[in-house]
C-alpha cells in the first residue's frame, strides 16, 4: 500500500493512513484502495481458477480494510470475504489441530 499509494499519488502514507483518508471520503485514497483490490484480484485469479475455488477468505490486518478494496476484488464465480479472526486465524487453526 505504501508503494502503490506513492506510485498513484506521489504522496507517502502507510496502509492505515490510506485507509483513514479513504474513510474520510478522499477520492485519491479511495482510488488507491480500488487499485489495490484490482491488483490483488489479478494476482489471485489464476490460482482460484486453477483450484476451482468457489470461496476465498482473506485474512491478516489488511482484511480490516476489506470494505475499501473488497468491491474491486472480482474473481468470477469465486466469492471473496474477509476473515472474522484477521491475523489470529493461523494461530487459532494451529491450536485447533
Protein backbone atom coordinates (compact mmCIF):
# COMPACT_ATOMS: atom_id res chain seq x y z
CA UNK A 1 0.00 0.00 0.00
CA UNK A 2 2.82 2.41 0.74
CA UNK A 3 4.39 1.87 -2.68
CA UNK A 4 1.09 1.76 -4.52
CA UNK A 5 -0.14 4.92 -2.84
CA UNK A 6 3.08 6.72 -3.66
CA UNK A 7 3.05 5.48 -7.26
CA UNK A 8 -0.53 6.63 -7.84
CA UNK A 9 -0.50 9.92 -5.94
CA UNK A 10 3.12 10.91 -5.33
CA UNK A 11 2.32 11.04 -1.61
CA UNK A 12 3.72 8.90 1.19
CA UNK A 13 1.49 7.05 3.61
CA UNK A 14 1.01 3.79 5.47
CA UNK A 15 -1.90 1.45 4.82
CA UNK A 16 -3.54 2.89 7.93
CA UNK A 17 -3.05 6.43 6.59
CA UNK A 18 -4.60 5.49 3.25
CA UNK A 19 -7.49 3.72 4.99
CA UNK A 20 -8.23 6.70 7.21
CA UNK A 21 -8.15 9.08 4.27
CA UNK A 22 -10.39 6.80 2.18
CA UNK A 23 -12.91 6.50 5.00
CA UNK A 24 -12.94 10.30 5.27
CA UNK A 25 -14.00 10.40 1.64
CA UNK A 26 -10.74 11.44 -0.02
CA UNK A 27 -11.04 10.31 -3.67
CA UNK A 28 -7.29 9.76 -4.17
CA UNK A 29 -7.13 7.42 -1.20
CA UNK A 30 -10.26 5.60 -2.36
CA UNK A 31 -8.64 5.15 -5.77
CA UNK A 32 -5.51 3.69 -4.15
CA UNK A 33 -7.62 1.07 -2.35
CA UNK A 34 -9.58 0.29 -5.52
CA UNK A 35 -6.31 -0.21 -7.39
CA UNK A 36 -5.08 -2.47 -4.58
CA UNK A 37 -8.21 -4.60 -4.90
CA UNK A 38 -7.85 -4.84 -8.66
CA UNK A 39 -4.18 -5.82 -8.43
CA UNK A 40 -4.95 -8.35 -5.70
CA UNK A 41 -7.65 -9.92 -7.87
CA UNK A 42 -5.29 -10.04 -10.86
CA UNK A 43 -2.74 -11.91 -8.76
CA UNK A 44 -5.23 -14.32 -7.18
CA UNK A 45 -7.41 -15.06 -10.20
CA UNK A 46 -5.08 -17.65 -11.82
CA UNK A 47 -4.89 -19.55 -8.54
CA UNK A 48 -8.58 -19.51 -7.70
CA UNK A 49 -9.38 -20.53 -11.28
CA UNK A 50 -6.85 -23.38 -11.32
CA UNK A 51 -8.04 -24.61 -7.94
CA UNK A 52 -11.69 -24.26 -8.87
CA UNK A 53 -12.35 -22.28 -5.71
CA UNK A 54 -15.87 -21.12 -5.02
CA UNK A 55 -14.88 -19.04 -1.99
CA UNK A 56 -11.79 -17.22 -0.74
CA UNK A 57 -11.26 -15.85 2.76
CA UNK A 58 -8.73 -13.03 3.08
CA UNK A 59 -7.02 -12.67 6.45
CA UNK A 60 -4.34 -10.62 8.09
CA UNK A 61 -4.52 -7.00 9.10
CA UNK A 62 -5.14 -5.78 5.56
CA UNK A 63 -8.51 -7.53 5.62
CA UNK A 64 -9.59 -4.92 8.18
CA UNK A 65 -9.78 -2.59 5.17
CA UNK A 66 -11.86 -5.03 3.12
CA UNK A 67 -14.67 -2.50 2.92
CA UNK A 68 -12.29 -0.28 0.94
CA UNK A 69 -10.81 -2.80 -1.51
CA UNK A 70 -13.22 -5.74 -1.45
CA UNK A 71 -15.58 -4.45 -4.14
CA UNK A 72 -12.65 -4.38 -6.60
CA UNK A 73 -11.66 -8.00 -5.89
CA UNK A 74 -13.67 -9.77 -8.56
CA UNK A 75 -12.80 -13.40 -9.12
CA UNK A 76 -15.63 -14.63 -11.32
CA UNK A 77 -17.73 -17.23 -9.53
CA UNK A 78 -15.38 -17.26 -6.53
CA UNK A 79 -16.87 -15.32 -3.60
CA UNK A 80 -14.41 -13.24 -1.55
CA UNK A 81 -14.85 -12.23 2.07
CA UNK A 82 -12.68 -11.07 4.96
CA UNK A 83 -11.65 -13.32 7.80
CA UNK A 84 -13.51 -12.96 11.05
CA UNK A 85 -10.29 -13.53 13.00
CA UNK A 86 -7.84 -11.42 10.99
CA UNK A 87 -4.21 -12.08 11.94
CA UNK A 88 -5.22 -14.58 14.65
CA UNK A 89 -6.66 -17.07 12.15
CA UNK A 90 -3.43 -19.05 11.59
CA UNK A 91 -2.81 -19.34 15.31
CA UNK A 92 -6.36 -20.46 16.00
CA UNK A 93 -6.14 -23.01 13.20
CA UNK A 94 -2.85 -24.36 14.50
CA UNK A 95 -4.24 -24.56 18.03
CA UNK A 96 -7.28 -26.46 16.76
CA UNK A 97 -5.04 -29.07 15.13
